[in-house]
Amino acid sequence: MPRIELWMTMFAGLAGGLAGVLWSGLVTTPWLARSGKVHSESAGRVLLGAALRAFAGAALGLLFWLGWGLIAVLGQPWHTVGLLYGGLCWAAVGAPMLGTLLLRDEVATRPVLAHAVEWLFTCAAIGLLCALAWHRYA
């Protein structure tokens, strides 16, 4: 029988990934629209983006569970552990990608920074929800 902590942590990660969809619609899209660089959002593109964020969140939830909820961080509240995990996830993937994209001259800085901030928020939401799920069920 699968452990409830695994499923709840993966579901929490999925929910955190979907929080990134809200950020995208409420913050990133209007931010990019001001520069005139945003293209039309079709229903398929929005759905695919939501699926991508949900999958990333579930995968990061699985990694959180496999790491035993960052068991090495002792005596810290769950939100500190969640923000630490989210920051580490973004630093491992988002920061190097941001750096390599900005090193290239043909990439516009504003959209790259907008998406970097969006994924930073998404990783933080995933980390916080995973830590909360771990705290509640562990």
C-alpha atoms as a PDB file:
ATOM      1  CA  MET A   1       0.000   0.000   0.000  1.00  0.00           C
ATOM      2  CA  PRO A   2       1.514   3.363  -1.008  1.00  0.00           C
ATOM      3  CA  ARG A   3       2.269   5.742   1.803  1.00  0.00           C
ATOM      4  CA  ILE A   4      -0.062   8.709   2.196  1.00  0.00           C
ATOM      5  CA  GLU A   5       2.927  11.040   2.646  1.00  0.00           C
ATOM      6  CA  LEU A   6       4.132  10.290  -0.887  1.00  0.00           C
ATOM      7  CA  TRP A   7       0.793  11.005  -2.523  1.00  0.00           C
ATOM      8  CA  MET A   8       0.078  14.077  -0.429  1.00  0.00           C
ATOM      9  CA  THR A   9       3.543  15.518  -1.068  1.00  0.00           C
ATOM     10  CA  MET A  10       3.238  14.940  -4.816  1.00  0.00           C
ATOM     11  CA  PHE A  11      -0.258  16.457  -4.798  1.00  0.00           C
ATOM     12  CA  ALA A  12       1.049  19.457  -2.839  1.00  0.00           C
ATOM     13  CA  GLY A  13       3.816  19.896  -5.420  1.00  0.00           C
ATOM     14  CA  LEU A  14       1.262  19.669  -8.228  1.00  0.00           C
ATOM     15  CA  ALA A  15      -0.847  22.341  -6.519  1.00  0.00           C
ATOM     16  CA  GLY A  16       2.220  24.551  -6.145  1.00  0.00           C
ATOM     17  CA  GLY A  17       2.927  24.125  -9.842  1.00  0.00           C
ATOM     18  CA  LEU A  18      -0.598  25.221 -10.643  1.00  0.00           C
ATOM     19  CA  ALA A  19      -0.084  28.307  -8.446  1.00  0.00           C
ATOM     20  CA  GLY A  20       2.515  29.231 -11.064  1.00  0.00           C
ATOM     21  CA  VAL A  21      -0.283  29.274 -13.650  1.00  0.00           C
ATOM     22  CA  LEU A  22      -2.051  31.945 -11.599  1.00  0.00           C
ATOM     23  CA  TRP A  23       1.165  33.959 -11.376  1.00  0.00           C
ATOM     24  CA  SER A  24       1.612  33.641 -15.120  1.00  0.00           C
ATOM     25  CA  GLY A  25      -1.868  34.958 -15.852  1.00  0.00           C
ATOM     26  CA  LEU A  26      -1.948  37.679 -13.223  1.00  0.00           C
ATOM     27  CA  VAL A  27       1.648  38.962 -13.277  1.00  0.00           C
ATOM     28  CA  THR A  28       3.834  37.710 -16.126  1.00  0.00           C
ATOM     29  CA  THR A  29       1.392  38.187 -19.008  1.00  0.00           C
ATOM     30  CA  PRO A  30       0.477  41.807 -18.092  1.00  0.00           C
ATOM     31  CA  TRP A  31       4.170  42.566 -17.419  1.00  0.00           C
ATOM     32  CA  LEU A  32       5.160  41.339 -20.873  1.00  0.00           C
ATOM     33  CA  ALA A  33       2.130  42.962 -22.518  1.00  0.00           C
ATOM     34  CA  ARG A  34       3.436  46.387 -21.489  1.00  0.00           C
ATOM     35  CA  SER A  35       6.512  45.800 -23.618  1.00  0.00           C
ATOM     36  CA  GLY A  36       4.442  44.609 -26.585  1.00  0.00           C
ATOM     37  CA  LYS A  37       6.368  41.315 -26.721  1.00  0.00           C
ATOM     38  CA  VAL A  38       3.586  38.979 -25.665  1.00  0.00           C
ATOM     39  CA  HIS A  39       1.831  36.855 -28.259  1.00  0.00           C
ATOM     40  CA  SER A  40      -1.729  35.657 -28.047  1.00  0.00           C
ATOM     41  CA  GLU A  41      -2.438  32.956 -25.521  1.00  0.00           C
ATOM     42  CA  SER A  42      -4.489  30.174 -27.066  1.00  0.00           C
ATOM     43  CA  ALA A  43      -6.420  27.732 -24.905  1.00  0.00           C
ATOM     44  CA  GLY A  44      -4.073  24.948 -25.952  1.00  0.00           C
ATOM     45  CA  ARG A  45      -0.992  26.936 -24.946  1.00  0.00           C
ATOM     46  CA  VAL A  46      -2.486  27.791 -21.539  1.00  0.00           C
ATOM     47  CA  LEU A  47      -3.472  24.148 -20.971  1.00  0.00           C
ATOM     48  CA  LEU A  48      -0.041  22.897 -22.020  1.00  0.00           C
ATOM     49  CA  GLY A  49       1.645  25.424 -19.715  1.00  0.00           C
ATOM     50  CA  ALA A  50      -0.575  24.316 -16.832  1.00  0.00           C
ATOM     51  CA  ALA A  51       0.268  20.660 -17.514  1.00  0.00           C
ATOM     52  CA  LEU A  52       3.988  21.495 -17.613  1.00  0.00           C
ATOM     53  CA  ARG A  53       3.849  23.331 -14.290  1.00  0.00           C
ATOM     54  CA  ALA A  54       1.730  20.579 -12.694  1.00  0.00           C
ATOM     55  CA  PHE A  55       4.177  17.906 -13.868  1.00  0.00           C
ATOM     56  CA  ALA A  56       7.158  19.922 -12.607  1.00  0.00           C
ATOM     57  CA  GLY A  57       5.409  20.396  -9.265  1.00  0.00           C
ATOM     58  CA  ALA A  58       4.617  16.682  -8.903  1.00  0.00           C
ATOM     59  CA  ALA A  59       8.221  15.785  -9.800  1.00  0.00           C
ATOM     60  CA  LEU A  60       9.583  18.255  -7.252  1.00  0.00           C
ATOM     61  CA  GLY A  61       7.103  16.877  -4.706  1.00  0.00           C
ATOM     62  CA  LEU A  62       8.489  13.388  -5.326  1.00  0.00           C
ATOM     63  CA  LEU A  63      12.043  14.714  -4.859  1.00  0.00           C
ATOM     64  CA  PHE A  64      10.977  16.390  -1.607  1.00  0.00           C
ATOM     65  CA  TRP A  65       9.534  13.096  -0.364  1.00  0.00           C
ATOM     66  CA  LEU A  66      12.637  11.177  -1.443  1.00  0.00           C
ATOM     67  CA  GLY A  67      14.748  13.669   0.520  1.00  0.00           C
ATOM     68  CA  TRP A  68      12.630  12.917   3.608  1.00  0.00           C
ATOM     69  CA  GLY A  69      11.379  16.466   3.772  1.00  0.00           C
ATOM     70  CA  LEU A  70      14.920  17.855   4.056  1.00  0.00           C
ATOM     71  CA  ILE A  71      15.430  15.906   7.242  1.00  0.00           C
ATOM     72  CA  ALA A  72      18.875  17.446   7.760  1.00  0.00           C
ATOM     73  CA  VAL A  73      17.282  20.830   8.524  1.00  0.00           C
ATOM     74  CA  LEU A  74      16.460  20.409  12.195  1.00  0.00           C
ATOM     75  CA  GLY A  75      14.486  22.635  14.471  1.00  0.00           C
ATOM     76  CA  GLN A  76      13.164  24.921  11.739  1.00  0.00           C
ATOM     77  CA  PRO A  77       9.488  25.660  11.073  1.00  0.00           C
ATOM     78  CA  TRP A  78       7.897  24.054   8.026  1.00  0.00           C
ATOM     79  CA  HIS A  79       7.754  27.325   6.064  1.00  0.00           C
ATOM     80  CA  THR A  80      11.523  27.807   6.416  1.00  0.00           C
ATOM     81  CA  VAL A  81      12.118  24.294   5.107  1.00  0.00           C
ATOM     82  CA  GLY A  82       9.671  24.927   2.235  1.00  0.00           C
ATOM     83  CA  LEU A  83      11.279  28.201   1.186  1.00  0.00           C
ATOM     84  CA  LEU A  84      14.728  26.620   1.424  1.00  0.00           C
ATOM     85  CA  TYR A  85      13.637  23.726  -0.802  1.00  0.00           C
ATOM     86  CA  GLY A  86      11.939  26.019  -3.326  1.00  0.00           C
ATOM     87  CA  GLY A  87      14.974  28.281  -3.450  1.00  0.00           C
ATOM     88  CA  LEU A  88      17.308  25.320  -3.930  1.00  0.00           C
ATOM     89  CA  CYS A  89      15.149  23.929  -6.749  1.00  0.00           C
ATOM     90  CA  TRP A  90      15.135  27.277  -8.540  1.00  0.00           C
ATOM     91  CA  ALA A  91      18.850  27.797  -7.943  1.00  0.00           C
ATOM     92  CA  ALA A  92      19.631  24.377  -9.384  1.00  0.00           C
ATOM     93  CA  VAL A  93      17.598  24.843 -12.567  1.00  0.00           C
ATOM     94  CA  GLY A  94      16.360  28.400 -12.993  1.00  0.00           C
ATOM     95  CA  ALA A  95      19.445  30.386 -12.077  1.00  0.00           C
ATOM     96  CA  PRO A  96      21.863  28.591 -14.453  1.00  0.00           C
ATOM     97  CA  MET A  97      19.297  28.742 -17.263  1.00  0.00           C
ATOM     98  CA  LEU A  98      18.762  32.440 -16.607  1.00  0.00           C
ATOM     99  CA  GLY A  99      22.500  33.041 -16.634  1.00  0.00           C
ATOM    100  CA  THR A 100      23.136  31.232 -19.902  1.00  0.00           C
ATOM    101  CA  LEU A 101      20.190  32.924 -21.618  1.00  0.00           C
ATOM    102  CA  LEU A 102      21.319  36.381 -20.526  1.00  0.00           C
ATOM    103  CA  LEU A 103      24.855  35.689 -21.771  1.00  0.00           C
ATOM    104  CA  ARG A 104      23.496  35.412 -25.304  1.00  0.00           C
ATOM    105  CA  ASP A 105      22.943  38.706 -27.086  1.00  0.00           C
ATOM    106  CA  GLU A 106      19.902  37.645 -29.102  1.00  0.00           C
ATOM    107  CA  VAL A 107      17.674  37.063 -26.068  1.00  0.00           C
ATOM    108  CA  ALA A 108      15.456  39.884 -24.814  1.00  0.00           C
ATOM    109  CA  THR A 109      16.118  40.540 -21.134  1.00  0.00           C
ATOM    110  CA  ARG A 110      12.591  41.497 -20.049  1.00  0.00           C
ATOM    111  CA  PRO A 111      10.824  38.227 -21.026  1.00  0.00           C
ATOM    112  CA  VAL A 112      13.654  36.120 -19.610  1.00  0.00           C
ATOM    113  CA  LEU A 113      13.516  37.954 -16.272  1.00  0.00           C
ATOM    114  CA  ALA A 114       9.713  37.774 -16.225  1.00  0.00           C
ATOM    115  CA  HIS A 115       9.790  34.010 -16.634  1.00  0.00           C
ATOM    116  CA  ALA A 116      12.617  33.646 -14.115  1.00  0.00           C
ATOM    117  CA  VAL A 117      10.553  35.483 -11.498  1.00  0.00           C
ATOM    118  CA  GLU A 118       7.504  33.397 -12.439  1.00  0.00           C
ATOM    119  CA  TRP A 119       9.424  30.153 -11.893  1.00  0.00           C
ATOM    120  CA  LEU A 120      10.937  31.473  -8.669  1.00  0.00           C
ATOM    121  CA  PHE A 121       7.400  32.027  -7.375  1.00  0.00           C
ATOM    122  CA  THR A 122       6.346  28.597  -8.645  1.00  0.00           C
ATOM    123  CA  CYS A 123       9.285  26.861  -6.938  1.00  0.00           C
ATOM    124  CA  ALA A 124       8.593  28.731  -3.692  1.00  0.00           C
ATOM    125  CA  ALA A 125       4.908  27.716  -3.815  1.00  0.00           C
ATOM    126  CA  ILE A 126       5.861  24.099  -4.505  1.00  0.00           C
ATOM    127  CA  GLY A 127       8.361  24.110  -1.641  1.00  0.00           C
ATOM    128  CA  LEU A 128       5.936  25.659   0.825  1.00  0.00           C
ATOM    129  CA  LEU A 129       3.090  23.287  -0.046  1.00  0.00           C
ATOM    130  CA  CYS A 130       5.359  20.221   0.053  1.00  0.00           C
ATOM    131  CA  ALA A 131       6.751  21.252   3.435  1.00  0.00           C
ATOM    132  CA  LEU A 132       3.230  21.849   4.752  1.00  0.00           C
ATOM    133  CA  ALA A 133       2.078  18.431   3.524  1.00  0.00           C
ATOM    134  CA  TRP A 134       5.140  16.785   5.062  1.00  0.00           C
ATOM    135  CA  HIS A 135       4.613  18.656   8.322  1.00  0.00           C
ATOM    136  CA  ARG A 136       0.963  17.623   8.525  1.00  0.00           C
ATOM    137  CA  TYR A 137       1.381  13.938   7.655  1.00  0.00           C
ATOM    138  CA  ALA A 138       4.847  13.031   8.899  1.00  0.00           C
END
